[in-house]
Amino acid sequence: MITSNARDLYYELRDDFKKH
């Protein structure tokens, strides 16, 4: 199971990719 912390990092990276 993915921890909420790791999930936050995952979504943060996705947001970065979306911005670029």
C-alpha atoms as a PDB file:
ATOM      1  CA  MET A   1       0.000   0.000   0.000  1.00  0.00           C
ATOM      2  CA  ILE A   2       1.304   3.428  -0.934  1.00  0.00           C
ATOM      3  CA  THR A   3       1.688   5.840   1.969  1.00  0.00           C
ATOM      4  CA  SER A   4      -0.069   9.194   1.776  1.00  0.00           C
ATOM      5  CA  ASN A   5       3.353  10.862   1.797  1.00  0.00           C
ATOM      6  CA  ALA A   6       4.599   8.926  -1.222  1.00  0.00           C
ATOM      7  CA  ARG A   7       1.287   9.557  -2.971  1.00  0.00           C
ATOM      8  CA  ASP A   8       1.666  13.298  -2.395  1.00  0.00           C
ATOM      9  CA  LEU A   9       5.128  13.191  -3.952  1.00  0.00           C
ATOM     10  CA  TYR A  10       3.755  11.215  -6.883  1.00  0.00           C
ATOM     11  CA  TYR A  11       1.032  13.751  -7.564  1.00  0.00           C
ATOM     12  CA  GLU A  12       3.453  16.630  -7.087  1.00  0.00           C
ATOM     13  CA  LEU A  13       5.685  15.173  -9.799  1.00  0.00           C
ATOM     14  CA  ARG A  14       2.675  14.686 -12.074  1.00  0.00           C
ATOM     15  CA  ASP A  15       1.687  18.328 -11.544  1.00  0.00           C
ATOM     16  CA  ASP A  16       5.219  19.373 -12.510  1.00  0.00           C
ATOM     17  CA  PHE A  17       5.009  17.349 -15.721  1.00  0.00           C
ATOM     18  CA  LYS A  18       1.632  18.887 -16.538  1.00  0.00           C
ATOM     19  CA  LYS A  19       3.068  22.393 -16.123  1.00  0.00           C
ATOM     20  CA  HIS A  20       5.888  21.612 -18.560  1.00  0.00           C
END
